[in-house]
């Protein structure tokens, strides 16, 4: 087996693993939306009534 063939086999074997690792979304922020008249409170992590309007 030549070096080029061996290298191609290794690359093709590892390609799906590398593609899967690229697709991980650990640490991705999620955008939350609240109902009308409510705002997101980052301290409690919930929607609260908007008191400024």
N, C-alpha and C. Protein backbone atom coordinates (compact mmCIF):
# COMPACT_ATOMS: atom_id res chain seq x y z
N UNK A 1 0.86 -1.18 0.00
CA UNK A 1 0.00 0.00 0.00
C UNK A 1 0.91 1.24 0.00
N UNK A 2 0.62 2.15 -0.88
CA UNK A 2 1.47 3.32 -0.97
C UNK A 2 1.08 4.34 0.11
N UNK A 3 1.94 5.27 0.33
CA UNK A 3 1.72 6.31 1.33
C UNK A 3 0.49 7.15 0.97
N UNK A 4 0.31 7.49 -0.30
CA UNK A 4 -0.83 8.30 -0.73
C UNK A 4 -2.15 7.57 -0.46
N UNK A 5 -2.18 6.28 -0.75
CA UNK A 5 -3.39 5.50 -0.51
C UNK A 5 -3.70 5.41 0.98
N UNK A 6 -2.68 5.21 1.77
CA UNK A 6 -2.85 5.14 3.22
C UNK A 6 -3.34 6.48 3.78
N UNK A 7 -2.76 7.57 3.30
CA UNK A 7 -3.17 8.90 3.75
C UNK A 7 -4.62 9.18 3.35
N UNK A 8 -5.01 8.82 2.15
CA UNK A 8 -6.39 9.02 1.69
C UNK A 8 -7.36 8.20 2.54
N UNK A 9 -6.98 6.98 2.88
CA UNK A 9 -7.83 6.13 3.71
C UNK A 9 -8.02 6.73 5.11
N UNK A 10 -6.97 7.28 5.67
CA UNK A 10 -7.05 7.90 6.99
C UNK A 10 -7.94 9.14 6.95
N UNK A 11 -7.78 9.97 5.95
CA UNK A 11 -8.58 11.19 5.82
C UNK A 11 -10.05 10.84 5.64
N UNK A 12 -10.36 9.87 4.79
CA UNK A 12 -11.75 9.49 4.56
C UNK A 12 -12.37 8.82 5.78
N UNK A 13 -11.56 8.18 6.59
CA UNK A 13 -12.06 7.56 7.81
C UNK A 13 -12.36 8.61 8.87
N UNK A 14 -11.55 9.64 8.97
CA UNK A 14 -11.72 10.65 10.00
C UNK A 14 -12.66 11.79 9.61
N UNK A 15 -13.00 11.93 8.35
CA UNK A 15 -13.84 13.04 7.90
C UNK A 15 -15.20 13.10 8.61
N UNK A 16 -15.94 11.99 8.75
CA UNK A 16 -17.22 12.08 9.46
C UNK A 16 -17.07 12.48 10.93
N UNK A 17 -16.02 12.03 11.56
CA UNK A 17 -15.79 12.38 12.97
C UNK A 17 -15.54 13.87 13.10
N UNK A 18 -14.74 14.42 12.23
CA UNK A 18 -14.44 15.86 12.27
C UNK A 18 -15.69 16.69 11.93
N UNK A 19 -16.50 16.21 11.00
CA UNK A 19 -17.73 16.93 10.65
C UNK A 19 -18.70 16.92 11.82
N UNK A 20 -18.80 15.82 12.53
CA UNK A 20 -19.68 15.74 13.69
C UNK A 20 -19.21 16.69 14.79
N UNK A 21 -17.91 16.75 15.02
CA UNK A 21 -17.37 17.62 16.07
C UNK A 21 -17.62 19.09 15.73
N UNK A 22 -17.62 19.44 14.47
CA UNK A 22 -17.86 20.81 14.05
C UNK A 22 -19.31 21.21 14.30
N UNK A 23 -20.22 20.26 14.28
CA UNK A 23 -21.63 20.54 14.43
C UNK A 23 -22.11 20.67 15.86
N UNK A 24 -21.27 20.45 16.83
CA UNK A 24 -21.69 20.53 18.23
C UNK A 24 -21.96 21.99 18.60
N UNK A 25 -23.01 22.21 19.35
CA UNK A 25 -23.40 23.58 19.70
C UNK A 25 -23.33 23.82 21.20
N UNK A 26 -22.40 23.20 21.88
CA UNK A 26 -22.29 23.42 23.31
C UNK A 26 -21.91 24.86 23.58
N UNK A 27 -22.62 25.50 24.50
CA UNK A 27 -22.33 26.88 24.84
C UNK A 27 -23.03 27.89 23.96
N UNK A 28 -23.86 27.42 23.04
CA UNK A 28 -24.58 28.35 22.19
C UNK A 28 -25.69 29.03 22.99
N UNK A 29 -25.82 30.32 22.81
CA UNK A 29 -26.86 31.06 23.53
C UNK A 29 -28.20 30.88 22.84
N UNK A 30 -29.23 30.80 23.65
CA UNK A 30 -30.59 30.64 23.14
C UNK A 30 -31.33 31.96 23.34
N UNK A 31 -32.03 32.40 22.32
CA UNK A 31 -32.79 33.63 22.41
C UNK A 31 -34.19 33.30 22.92
N UNK A 32 -34.60 33.98 23.96
CA UNK A 32 -35.92 33.74 24.54
C UNK A 32 -36.82 34.90 24.20
N UNK A 33 -38.07 34.61 23.87
CA UNK A 33 -39.03 35.68 23.61
C UNK A 33 -40.15 35.59 24.64
N UNK A 34 -40.63 36.73 25.05
CA UNK A 34 -41.68 36.82 26.06
C UNK A 34 -42.98 37.28 25.40
N UNK A 35 -44.06 37.03 26.09
CA UNK A 35 -45.37 37.45 25.60
C UNK A 35 -45.45 38.98 25.57
N UNK A 36 -46.43 39.49 24.86
CA UNK A 36 -46.60 40.94 24.74
C UNK A 36 -46.85 41.56 26.12
N UNK A 37 -46.15 42.66 26.40
CA UNK A 37 -46.29 43.33 27.68
C UNK A 37 -45.36 42.79 28.75
N UNK A 38 -44.50 41.84 28.37
CA UNK A 38 -43.55 41.27 29.33
C UNK A 38 -42.14 41.42 28.79
N UNK A 39 -41.18 41.42 29.67
CA UNK A 39 -39.76 41.52 29.30
C UNK A 39 -38.99 40.41 29.99
N UNK A 40 -37.85 40.05 29.41
CA UNK A 40 -37.01 39.00 29.97
C UNK A 40 -36.14 39.55 31.10
N UNK A 41 -36.19 38.92 32.26
CA UNK A 41 -35.36 39.29 33.41
C UNK A 41 -34.19 38.32 33.46
N UNK A 42 -32.98 38.82 33.14
CA UNK A 42 -31.81 37.95 33.08
C UNK A 42 -31.38 37.43 34.45
N UNK A 43 -31.73 38.13 35.51
CA UNK A 43 -31.36 37.68 36.86
C UNK A 43 -32.12 36.43 37.26
N UNK A 44 -33.42 36.41 36.96
CA UNK A 44 -34.23 35.24 37.34
C UNK A 44 -34.38 34.25 36.20
N UNK A 45 -34.11 34.68 34.97
CA UNK A 45 -34.24 33.80 33.82
C UNK A 45 -35.69 33.58 33.41
N UNK A 46 -36.58 34.51 33.75
CA UNK A 46 -38.00 34.39 33.43
C UNK A 46 -38.51 35.68 32.83
N UNK A 47 -39.74 35.60 32.32
CA UNK A 47 -40.42 36.80 31.81
C UNK A 47 -41.18 37.45 32.94
N UNK A 48 -41.09 38.77 33.02
CA UNK A 48 -41.79 39.52 34.06
C UNK A 48 -42.58 40.65 33.40
N UNK A 49 -43.57 41.17 34.10
CA UNK A 49 -44.38 42.25 33.58
C UNK A 49 -43.52 43.50 33.40
N UNK A 50 -43.70 44.17 32.26
CA UNK A 50 -42.96 45.37 31.95
C UNK A 50 -43.54 46.53 32.74
N UNK A 51 -42.76 47.08 33.68
CA UNK A 51 -43.24 48.16 34.54
C UNK A 51 -42.82 49.54 34.06
N UNK A 52 -42.08 49.63 32.97
CA UNK A 52 -41.57 50.93 32.50
C UNK A 52 -42.52 51.62 31.53
N UNK A 53 -43.58 50.96 31.12
CA UNK A 53 -44.47 51.62 30.13
C UNK A 53 -45.77 52.05 30.73
